[in-house]
Amino acid sequence: MSSPTIGVQVIRRAFAVLRALAGGPLGVSDVATAAHIPKSTAARVLAALAAEGAVEQVPGERRYRLGPDLLSIASGLGETWDIVAIARPTLVDLAAELGEAAGVSIRDGWTVQYVDQVEPPNPNPVQVRDWTGTRIPLHAVSSGQVFLAQLPAPVLSRYLAEPLEAFTPATLTDATALLERLRQVRRDGHAWVRDEYSIGLSSVAASIVDARAEVVAAIHVHGPSYRFPNPGDEDRIAGAVRAAAARIGARLRAGG
């Protein structure tokens, strides 16, 4: 009966310590005072947080400050939520224009992570699932191929050196074939994927570029393969996705 209560108390104390350090470096006694906990408890919590990289001691001092791992997480979340907030109006417009779900994603290591998705205002009875929060290997989806196409050659070579997982018979698992696809992506400015991650699902994606000319996200539209894209509609759809990516990039470069 007491374990859940103890666990919650530990979390609360850890957050109290982190809040205390948000204002700048503090010694153990000052942390204890600011967090309203005993000094011995503050010392234990600081030691545990330091072991996880959430806090660290100021070099040459006994004071503690927020650590690099915590700051990295916070920075990454901030950038992600900035992109989501800036992209959302364009996703709404794009989903309405094309009548299919539109989403935005970021690269997380060797995977693409979907961070937002918008459904069209009058959705077809047959809809694809919401992929928000899902991580998928880069080679298997259109957004991932957009990211791969922009990687420096040495980094791309490291990715291709590992076995490429097959999710369907259509997944590109041959490095030579994937490289040819990536050349097309760089030439066209977008990537089409049909049934390569999930049978019956097609998508098209384009890259979003920030003020440093770096690809920071990708925008995509996906739908059931039997209707998306309709024959002869590929260029119009891809053009709309590229234009949407350009609008989001312009807003990012303008600071929102």
C-alpha atoms as a PDB file:
ATOM      1  CA  MET A   1       0.000   0.000   0.000  1.00  0.00           C
ATOM      2  CA  SER A   2       2.840   2.398   0.787  1.00  0.00           C
ATOM      3  CA  SER A   3       4.983   1.852  -2.339  1.00  0.00           C
ATOM      4  CA  PRO A   4       2.944   4.031  -4.759  1.00  0.00           C
ATOM      5  CA  THR A   5       2.850   6.822  -2.171  1.00  0.00           C
ATOM      6  CA  ILE A   6       6.596   6.611  -1.647  1.00  0.00           C
ATOM      7  CA  GLY A   7       7.190   6.673  -5.395  1.00  0.00           C
ATOM      8  CA  VAL A   8       5.057   9.775  -5.858  1.00  0.00           C
ATOM      9  CA  GLN A   9       6.849  11.467  -2.980  1.00  0.00           C
ATOM     10  CA  VAL A  10      10.237  10.748  -4.553  1.00  0.00           C
ATOM     11  CA  ILE A  11       9.117  12.236  -7.872  1.00  0.00           C
ATOM     12  CA  ARG A  12       7.717  15.315  -6.154  1.00  0.00           C
ATOM     13  CA  ARG A  13      10.969  15.860  -4.281  1.00  0.00           C
ATOM     14  CA  ALA A  14      13.013  15.424  -7.453  1.00  0.00           C
ATOM     15  CA  PHE A  15      10.921  18.052  -9.228  1.00  0.00           C
ATOM     16  CA  ALA A  16      11.184  20.363  -6.228  1.00  0.00           C
ATOM     17  CA  VAL A  17      14.966  20.090  -6.430  1.00  0.00           C
ATOM     18  CA  LEU A  18      14.977  20.750 -10.183  1.00  0.00           C
ATOM     19  CA  ARG A  19      12.739  23.797  -9.735  1.00  0.00           C
ATOM     20  CA  ALA A  20      15.102  25.103  -7.052  1.00  0.00           C
ATOM     21  CA  LEU A  21      18.055  24.787  -9.454  1.00  0.00           C
ATOM     22  CA  ALA A  22      16.181  26.481 -12.299  1.00  0.00           C
ATOM     23  CA  GLY A  23      17.187  29.832 -10.830  1.00  0.00           C
ATOM     24  CA  GLY A  24      20.898  29.003 -10.855  1.00  0.00           C
ATOM     25  CA  PRO A  25      23.512  26.922  -8.984  1.00  0.00           C
ATOM     26  CA  LEU A  26      22.861  26.147  -5.313  1.00  0.00           C
ATOM     27  CA  GLY A  27      24.554  24.217  -2.533  1.00  0.00           C
ATOM     28  CA  VAL A  28      22.867  21.289  -0.805  1.00  0.00           C
ATOM     29  CA  SER A  29      21.637  23.421   2.108  1.00  0.00           C
ATOM     30  CA  ASP A  30      20.135  26.034  -0.181  1.00  0.00           C
ATOM     31  CA  VAL A  31      18.486  23.346  -2.288  1.00  0.00           C
ATOM     32  CA  ALA A  32      16.993  21.805   0.859  1.00  0.00           C
ATOM     33  CA  THR A  33      15.627  25.174   1.949  1.00  0.00           C
ATOM     34  CA  ALA A  34      14.202  26.054  -1.468  1.00  0.00           C
ATOM     35  CA  ALA A  35      12.653  22.601  -1.953  1.00  0.00           C
ATOM     36  CA  HIS A  36      11.351  22.402   1.630  1.00  0.00           C
ATOM     37  CA  ILE A  37      13.004  19.054   2.310  1.00  0.00           C
ATOM     38  CA  PRO A  38      15.614  17.867   4.842  1.00  0.00           C
ATOM     39  CA  LYS A  39      19.245  18.440   3.908  1.00  0.00           C
ATOM     40  CA  SER A  40      19.987  14.687   3.943  1.00  0.00           C
ATOM     41  CA  THR A  41      17.087  14.108   1.539  1.00  0.00           C
ATOM     42  CA  ALA A  42      18.291  16.891  -0.740  1.00  0.00           C
ATOM     43  CA  ALA A  43      21.735  15.297  -0.848  1.00  0.00           C
ATOM     44  CA  ARG A  44      20.284  11.890  -1.813  1.00  0.00           C
ATOM     45  CA  VAL A  45      18.031  13.370  -4.496  1.00  0.00           C
ATOM     46  CA  LEU A  46      20.893  15.412  -5.962  1.00  0.00           C
ATOM     47  CA  ALA A  47      23.134  12.343  -6.076  1.00  0.00           C
ATOM     48  CA  ALA A  48      20.434  10.344  -7.880  1.00  0.00           C
ATOM     49  CA  LEU A  49      19.743  13.151 -10.362  1.00  0.00           C
ATOM     50  CA  ALA A  50      23.479  13.603 -10.970  1.00  0.00           C
ATOM     51  CA  ALA A  51      23.802   9.899 -11.796  1.00  0.00           C
ATOM     52  CA  GLU A  52      21.178  10.394 -14.535  1.00  0.00           C
ATOM     53  CA  GLY A  53      22.784  13.572 -15.910  1.00  0.00           C
ATOM     54  CA  ALA A  54      19.838  15.729 -14.815  1.00  0.00           C
ATOM     55  CA  VAL A  55      22.064  17.809 -12.511  1.00  0.00           C
ATOM     56  CA  GLU A  56      25.809  18.254 -12.118  1.00  0.00           C
ATOM     57  CA  GLN A  57      28.228  19.910  -9.738  1.00  0.00           C
ATOM     58  CA  VAL A  58      29.738  23.196 -10.816  1.00  0.00           C
ATOM     59  CA  PRO A  59      33.406  22.399 -11.590  1.00  0.00           C
ATOM     60  CA  GLY A  60      35.590  23.174  -8.559  1.00  0.00           C
ATOM     61  CA  GLU A  61      32.586  23.896  -6.331  1.00  0.00           C
ATOM     62  CA  ARG A  62      30.086  22.085  -4.139  1.00  0.00           C
ATOM     63  CA  ARG A  63      27.122  23.796  -5.742  1.00  0.00           C
ATOM     64  CA  TYR A  64      24.820  21.977  -8.165  1.00  0.00           C
ATOM     65  CA  ARG A  65      23.256  23.158 -11.407  1.00  0.00           C
ATOM     66  CA  LEU A  66      20.939  21.668 -14.026  1.00  0.00           C
ATOM     67  CA  GLY A  67      22.785  19.024 -16.037  1.00  0.00           C
ATOM     68  CA  PRO A  68      23.435  18.632 -19.758  1.00  0.00           C
ATOM     69  CA  ASP A  69      21.066  15.691 -20.279  1.00  0.00           C
ATOM     70  CA  LEU A  70      18.116  17.559 -18.804  1.00  0.00           C
ATOM     71  CA  LEU A  71      18.916  20.696 -20.791  1.00  0.00           C
ATOM     72  CA  SER A  72      19.255  18.656 -23.961  1.00  0.00           C
ATOM     73  CA  ILE A  73      15.848  17.065 -23.429  1.00  0.00           C
ATOM     74  CA  ALA A  74      14.258  20.430 -22.673  1.00  0.00           C
ATOM     75  CA  SER A  75      15.873  22.016 -25.730  1.00  0.00           C
ATOM     76  CA  GLY A  76      14.742  19.209 -28.002  1.00  0.00           C
ATOM     77  CA  LEU A  77      11.187  19.377 -26.706  1.00  0.00           C
ATOM     78  CA  GLY A  78      11.126  23.117 -27.199  1.00  0.00           C
ATOM     79  CA  GLU A  79      12.212  22.830 -30.808  1.00  0.00           C
ATOM     80  CA  THR A  80       9.717  20.043 -31.460  1.00  0.00           C
ATOM     81  CA  TRP A  81       6.797  21.939 -29.997  1.00  0.00           C
ATOM     82  CA  ASP A  82       7.818  25.070 -31.918  1.00  0.00           C
ATOM     83  CA  ILE A  83       7.659  23.071 -35.143  1.00  0.00           C
ATOM     84  CA  VAL A  84       4.308  21.523 -34.193  1.00  0.00           C
ATOM     85  CA  ALA A  85       2.783  24.906 -33.358  1.00  0.00           C
ATOM     86  CA  ILE A  86       4.115  26.571 -36.512  1.00  0.00           C
ATOM     87  CA  ALA A  87       3.175  23.665 -38.778  1.00  0.00           C
ATOM     88  CA  ARG A  88      -0.343  23.068 -37.445  1.00  0.00           C
ATOM     89  CA  PRO A  89      -2.220  25.726 -39.505  1.00  0.00           C
ATOM     90  CA  THR A  90      -0.538  24.519 -42.692  1.00  0.00           C
ATOM     91  CA  LEU A  91      -1.389  20.896 -41.855  1.00  0.00           C
ATOM     92  CA  VAL A  92      -5.038  21.891 -41.429  1.00  0.00           C
ATOM     93  CA  ASP A  93      -5.059  23.615 -44.826  1.00  0.00           C
ATOM     94  CA  LEU A  94      -3.228  20.756 -46.544  1.00  0.00           C
ATOM     95  CA  ALA A  95      -5.537  18.079 -45.130  1.00  0.00           C
ATOM     96  CA  ALA A  96      -8.537  20.087 -46.305  1.00  0.00           C
ATOM     97  CA  GLU A  97      -7.034  20.639 -49.759  1.00  0.00           C
ATOM     98  CA  LEU A  98      -6.127  17.009 -50.410  1.00  0.00           C
ATOM     99  CA  GLY A  99      -8.827  15.263 -48.383  1.00  0.00           C
ATOM    100  CA  GLU A 100      -6.337  12.998 -46.585  1.00  0.00           C
ATOM    101  CA  ALA A 101      -4.487  13.064 -43.271  1.00  0.00           C
ATOM    102  CA  ALA A 102      -1.479  15.409 -43.104  1.00  0.00           C
ATOM    103  CA  GLY A 103       1.318  15.171 -40.559  1.00  0.00           C
ATOM    104  CA  VAL A 104       4.693  16.475 -39.507  1.00  0.00           C
ATOM    105  CA  SER A 105       7.691  14.485 -38.296  1.00  0.00           C
ATOM    106  CA  ILE A 106      11.233  14.910 -37.002  1.00  0.00           C
ATOM    107  CA  ARG A 107      14.295  12.697 -37.233  1.00  0.00           C
ATOM    108  CA  ASP A 108      15.274  10.850 -34.057  1.00  0.00           C
ATOM    109  CA  GLY A 109      18.537   9.049 -34.722  1.00  0.00           C
ATOM    110  CA  TRP A 110      17.905   6.364 -37.329  1.00  0.00           C
ATOM    111  CA  THR A 111      14.135   6.699 -36.997  1.00  0.00           C
ATOM    112  CA  VAL A 112      11.478   9.210 -37.998  1.00  0.00           C
ATOM    113  CA  GLN A 113       9.101  10.276 -35.230  1.00  0.00           C
ATOM    114  CA  TYR A 114       5.625  11.522 -36.076  1.00  0.00           C
ATOM    115  CA  VAL A 115       4.810  14.494 -33.830  1.00  0.00           C
ATOM    116  CA  ASP A 116       1.465  15.737 -35.174  1.00  0.00           C
ATOM    117  CA  GLN A 117      -1.336  14.679 -37.508  1.00  0.00           C
ATOM    118  CA  VAL A 118      -4.448  16.459 -38.786  1.00  0.00           C
ATOM    119  CA  GLU A 119      -7.463  14.788 -40.360  1.00  0.00           C
ATOM    120  CA  PRO A 120      -9.433  16.388 -43.246  1.00  0.00           C
ATOM    121  CA  PRO A 121     -12.615  18.271 -42.271  1.00  0.00           C
ATOM    122  CA  ASN A 122     -14.868  15.743 -44.031  1.00  0.00           C
ATOM    123  CA  PRO A 123     -12.978  12.472 -43.620  1.00  0.00           C
ATOM    124  CA  ASN A 124     -13.647   9.478 -45.855  1.00  0.00           C
ATOM    125  CA  PRO A 125     -15.206   6.541 -43.964  1.00  0.00           C
ATOM    126  CA  VAL A 126     -12.006   4.593 -44.631  1.00  0.00           C
ATOM    127  CA  GLN A 127      -9.222   6.340 -42.698  1.00  0.00           C
ATOM    128  CA  VAL A 128      -5.668   5.453 -41.723  1.00  0.00           C
ATOM    129  CA  ARG A 129      -4.633   5.420 -38.067  1.00  0.00           C
ATOM    130  CA  ASP A 130      -3.128   8.390 -36.243  1.00  0.00           C
ATOM    131  CA  TRP A 131       0.638   7.840 -36.314  1.00  0.00           C
ATOM    132  CA  THR A 132       1.498  10.568 -33.768  1.00  0.00           C
ATOM    133  CA  GLY A 133       4.223   9.364 -31.399  1.00  0.00           C
ATOM    134  CA  THR A 134       5.257   6.455 -33.637  1.00  0.00           C
ATOM    135  CA  ARG A 135       8.924   5.925 -34.532  1.00  0.00           C
ATOM    136  CA  ILE A 136       9.785   4.079 -37.762  1.00  0.00           C
ATOM    137  CA  PRO A 137      13.156   3.319 -39.424  1.00  0.00           C
ATOM    138  CA  LEU A 138      14.052   6.017 -41.931  1.00  0.00           C
ATOM    139  CA  HIS A 139      14.156   3.853 -45.061  1.00  0.00           C
ATOM    140  CA  ALA A 140      10.601   2.528 -44.704  1.00  0.00           C
ATOM    141  CA  VAL A 141       8.497   5.711 -44.936  1.00  0.00           C
ATOM    142  CA  SER A 142       8.362   8.816 -47.107  1.00  0.00           C
ATOM    143  CA  SER A 143       9.308  11.246 -44.326  1.00  0.00           C
ATOM    144  CA  GLY A 144      12.276   9.080 -43.415  1.00  0.00           C
ATOM    145  CA  GLN A 145      13.470   8.953 -47.011  1.00  0.00           C
ATOM    146  CA  VAL A 146      13.300  12.757 -47.143  1.00  0.00           C
ATOM    147  CA  PHE A 147      15.649  12.865 -44.142  1.00  0.00           C
ATOM    148  CA  LEU A 148      17.947  10.198 -45.596  1.00  0.00           C
ATOM    149  CA  ALA A 149      18.234  12.096 -48.876  1.00  0.00           C
ATOM    150  CA  GLN A 150      19.712  15.101 -47.037  1.00  0.00           C
ATOM    151  CA  LEU A 151      22.239  13.238 -44.873  1.00  0.00           C
ATOM    152  CA  PRO A 152      25.960  13.758 -45.535  1.00  0.00           C
ATOM    153  CA  ALA A 153      27.441  10.834 -47.481  1.00  0.00           C
ATOM    154  CA  PRO A 154      29.477   9.411 -44.539  1.00  0.00           C
ATOM    155  CA  VAL A 155      26.410   9.411 -42.273  1.00  0.00           C
ATOM    156  CA  LEU A 156      24.227   7.838 -44.953  1.00  0.00           C
ATOM    157  CA  SER A 157      26.878   5.171 -45.514  1.00  0.00           C
ATOM    158  CA  ARG A 158      26.718   4.220 -41.827  1.00  0.00           C
ATOM    159  CA  TYR A 159      22.955   3.800 -42.075  1.00  0.00           C
ATOM    160  CA  LEU A 160      23.213   1.675 -45.211  1.00  0.00           C
ATOM    161  CA  ALA A 161      25.944  -0.476 -43.670  1.00  0.00           C
ATOM    162  CA  GLU A 162      23.367  -2.047 -41.345  1.00  0.00           C
ATOM    163  CA  PRO A 163      20.710  -4.536 -42.526  1.00  0.00           C
ATOM    164  CA  LEU A 164      17.562  -2.716 -43.652  1.00  0.00           C
ATOM    165  CA  GLU A 165      14.463  -4.183 -42.045  1.00  0.00           C
ATOM    166  CA  ALA A 166      11.688  -5.377 -44.348  1.00  0.00           C
ATOM    167  CA  PHE A 167       8.163  -4.500 -43.188  1.00  0.00           C
ATOM    168  CA  THR A 168       6.384  -5.579 -46.379  1.00  0.00           C
ATOM    169  CA  PRO A 169       7.487  -7.196 -49.655  1.00  0.00           C
ATOM    170  CA  ALA A 170       7.711  -3.658 -51.085  1.00  0.00           C
ATOM    171  CA  THR A 171      10.130  -2.279 -48.464  1.00  0.00           C
ATOM    172  CA  LEU A 172      13.395  -1.087 -50.009  1.00  0.00           C
ATOM    173  CA  THR A 173      16.013  -3.224 -48.294  1.00  0.00           C
ATOM    174  CA  ASP A 174      18.643  -3.172 -51.053  1.00  0.00           C
ATOM    175  CA  ALA A 175      21.140  -0.348 -50.511  1.00  0.00           C
ATOM    176  CA  THR A 176      21.626   0.254 -54.236  1.00  0.00           C
ATOM    177  CA  ALA A 177      17.889   0.527 -54.859  1.00  0.00           C
ATOM    178  CA  LEU A 178      17.484   2.835 -51.882  1.00  0.00           C
ATOM    179  CA  LEU A 179      20.311   5.080 -53.073  1.00  0.00           C
ATOM    180  CA  GLU A 180      18.609   5.392 -56.457  1.00  0.00           C
ATOM    181  CA  ARG A 181      15.365   6.330 -54.707  1.00  0.00           C
ATOM    182  CA  LEU A 182      17.189   8.966 -52.653  1.00  0.00           C
ATOM    183  CA  ARG A 183      18.656  10.470 -55.827  1.00  0.00           C
ATOM    184  CA  GLN A 184      15.103  10.823 -57.123  1.00  0.00           C
ATOM    185  CA  VAL A 185      14.039  12.441 -53.843  1.00  0.00           C
ATOM    186  CA  ARG A 186      16.813  15.021 -54.087  1.00  0.00           C
ATOM    187  CA  ARG A 187      15.919  15.693 -57.722  1.00  0.00           C
ATOM    188  CA  ASP A 188      12.152  15.955 -57.206  1.00  0.00           C
ATOM    189  CA  GLY A 189      12.059  17.542 -53.749  1.00  0.00           C
ATOM    190  CA  HIS A 190       9.660  14.939 -52.395  1.00  0.00           C
ATOM    191  CA  ALA A 191       9.398  11.196 -51.689  1.00  0.00           C
ATOM    192  CA  TRP A 192       6.561   8.838 -52.584  1.00  0.00           C
ATOM    193  CA  VAL A 193       6.214   5.544 -50.715  1.00  0.00           C
ATOM    194  CA  ARG A 194       3.611   2.933 -51.621  1.00  0.00           C
ATOM    195  CA  ASP A 195       2.949  -0.095 -49.382  1.00  0.00           C
ATOM    196  CA  GLU A 196       6.549  -0.059 -48.134  1.00  0.00           C
ATOM    197  CA  TYR A 197       5.854   0.162 -44.412  1.00  0.00           C
ATOM    198  CA  SER A 198       2.264  -1.042 -44.303  1.00  0.00           C
ATOM    199  CA  ILE A 199       0.333  -2.843 -47.018  1.00  0.00           C
ATOM    200  CA  GLY A 200      -2.455  -0.597 -48.266  1.00  0.00           C
ATOM    201  CA  LEU A 201      -0.854   2.677 -47.142  1.00  0.00           C
ATOM    202  CA  SER A 202       0.767   5.275 -49.410  1.00  0.00           C
ATOM    203  CA  SER A 203       2.361   8.600 -48.500  1.00  0.00           C
ATOM    204  CA  VAL A 204       4.298  11.524 -49.916  1.00  0.00           C
ATOM    205  CA  ALA A 205       6.627  13.810 -47.954  1.00  0.00           C
ATOM    206  CA  ALA A 206       8.781  16.912 -48.399  1.00  0.00           C
ATOM    207  CA  SER A 207      11.442  18.467 -46.191  1.00  0.00           C
ATOM    208  CA  ILE A 208      11.110  21.554 -43.986  1.00  0.00           C
ATOM    209  CA  VAL A 209      14.226  23.734 -43.909  1.00  0.00           C
ATOM    210  CA  ASP A 210      15.126  26.208 -41.145  1.00  0.00           C
ATOM    211  CA  ALA A 211      17.141  29.454 -41.172  1.00  0.00           C
ATOM    212  CA  ARG A 212      20.405  27.479 -41.109  1.00  0.00           C
ATOM    213  CA  ALA A 213      19.392  25.670 -44.309  1.00  0.00           C
ATOM    214  CA  GLU A 214      19.078  22.452 -42.301  1.00  0.00           C
ATOM    215  CA  VAL A 215      16.275  19.927 -42.703  1.00  0.00           C
ATOM    216  CA  VAL A 216      14.597  19.999 -39.283  1.00  0.00           C
ATOM    217  CA  ALA A 217      11.302  18.296 -40.076  1.00  0.00           C
ATOM    218  CA  ALA A 218       9.204  16.766 -42.824  1.00  0.00           C
ATOM    219  CA  ILE A 219       5.575  17.202 -43.797  1.00  0.00           C
ATOM    220  CA  HIS A 220       3.633  14.322 -45.296  1.00  0.00           C
ATOM    221  CA  VAL A 221       0.191  13.286 -46.481  1.00  0.00           C
ATOM    222  CA  HIS A 222      -0.924   9.674 -46.388  1.00  0.00           C
ATOM    223  CA  GLY A 223      -3.967   7.658 -47.289  1.00  0.00           C
ATOM    224  CA  PRO A 224      -5.185   4.205 -48.358  1.00  0.00           C
ATOM    225  CA  SER A 225      -3.335   3.048 -51.465  1.00  0.00           C
ATOM    226  CA  TYR A 226      -6.523   2.156 -53.345  1.00  0.00           C
ATOM    227  CA  ARG A 227      -7.458   5.840 -53.560  1.00  0.00           C
ATOM    228  CA  PHE A 228      -4.251   7.721 -52.753  1.00  0.00           C
ATOM    229  CA  PRO A 229      -2.962   8.863 -55.083  1.00  0.00           C
ATOM    230  CA  ASN A 230      -5.611   8.695 -57.770  1.00  0.00           C
ATOM    231  CA  PRO A 231      -4.064   7.895 -61.180  1.00  0.00           C
ATOM    232  CA  GLY A 232      -2.476  10.963 -62.721  1.00  0.00           C
ATOM    233  CA  ASP A 233      -2.780  12.968 -59.480  1.00  0.00           C
ATOM    234  CA  GLU A 234       0.735  12.342 -58.140  1.00  0.00           C
ATOM    235  CA  ASP A 235       2.282  15.591 -59.383  1.00  0.00           C
ATOM    236  CA  ARG A 236      -0.527  17.800 -58.067  1.00  0.00           C
ATOM    237  CA  ILE A 237      -0.413  16.160 -54.646  1.00  0.00           C
ATOM    238  CA  ALA A 238       3.387  16.274 -54.431  1.00  0.00           C
ATOM    239  CA  GLY A 239       3.356  19.939 -55.475  1.00  0.00           C
ATOM    240  CA  ALA A 240       0.887  20.780 -52.719  1.00  0.00           C
ATOM    241  CA  VAL A 241       3.054  19.008 -50.130  1.00  0.00           C
ATOM    242  CA  ARG A 242       6.215  20.785 -51.303  1.00  0.00           C
ATOM    243  CA  ALA A 243       4.424  24.141 -51.178  1.00  0.00           C
ATOM    244  CA  ALA A 244       3.200  23.404 -47.655  1.00  0.00           C
ATOM    245  CA  ALA A 245       6.735  22.474 -46.561  1.00  0.00           C
ATOM    246  CA  ALA A 246       8.017  25.738 -48.035  1.00  0.00           C
ATOM    247  CA  ARG A 247       5.390  27.741 -46.128  1.00  0.00           C
ATOM    248  CA  ILE A 248       6.293  26.101 -42.835  1.00  0.00           C
ATOM    249  CA  GLY A 249       9.988  26.634 -43.506  1.00  0.00           C
ATOM    250  CA  ALA A 250       9.369  30.319 -44.246  1.00  0.00           C
ATOM    251  CA  ARG A 251       7.524  30.701 -40.947  1.00  0.00           C
ATOM    252  CA  LEU A 252      10.346  28.956 -39.085  1.00  0.00           C
ATOM    253  CA  ARG A 253      12.910  31.249 -40.668  1.00  0.00           C
ATOM    254  CA  ALA A 254      10.781  34.273 -39.787  1.00  0.00           C
ATOM    255  CA  GLY A 255      10.604  33.158 -36.170  1.00  0.00           C
ATOM    256  CA  GLY A 256       7.052  31.843 -36.244  1.00  0.00           C
END
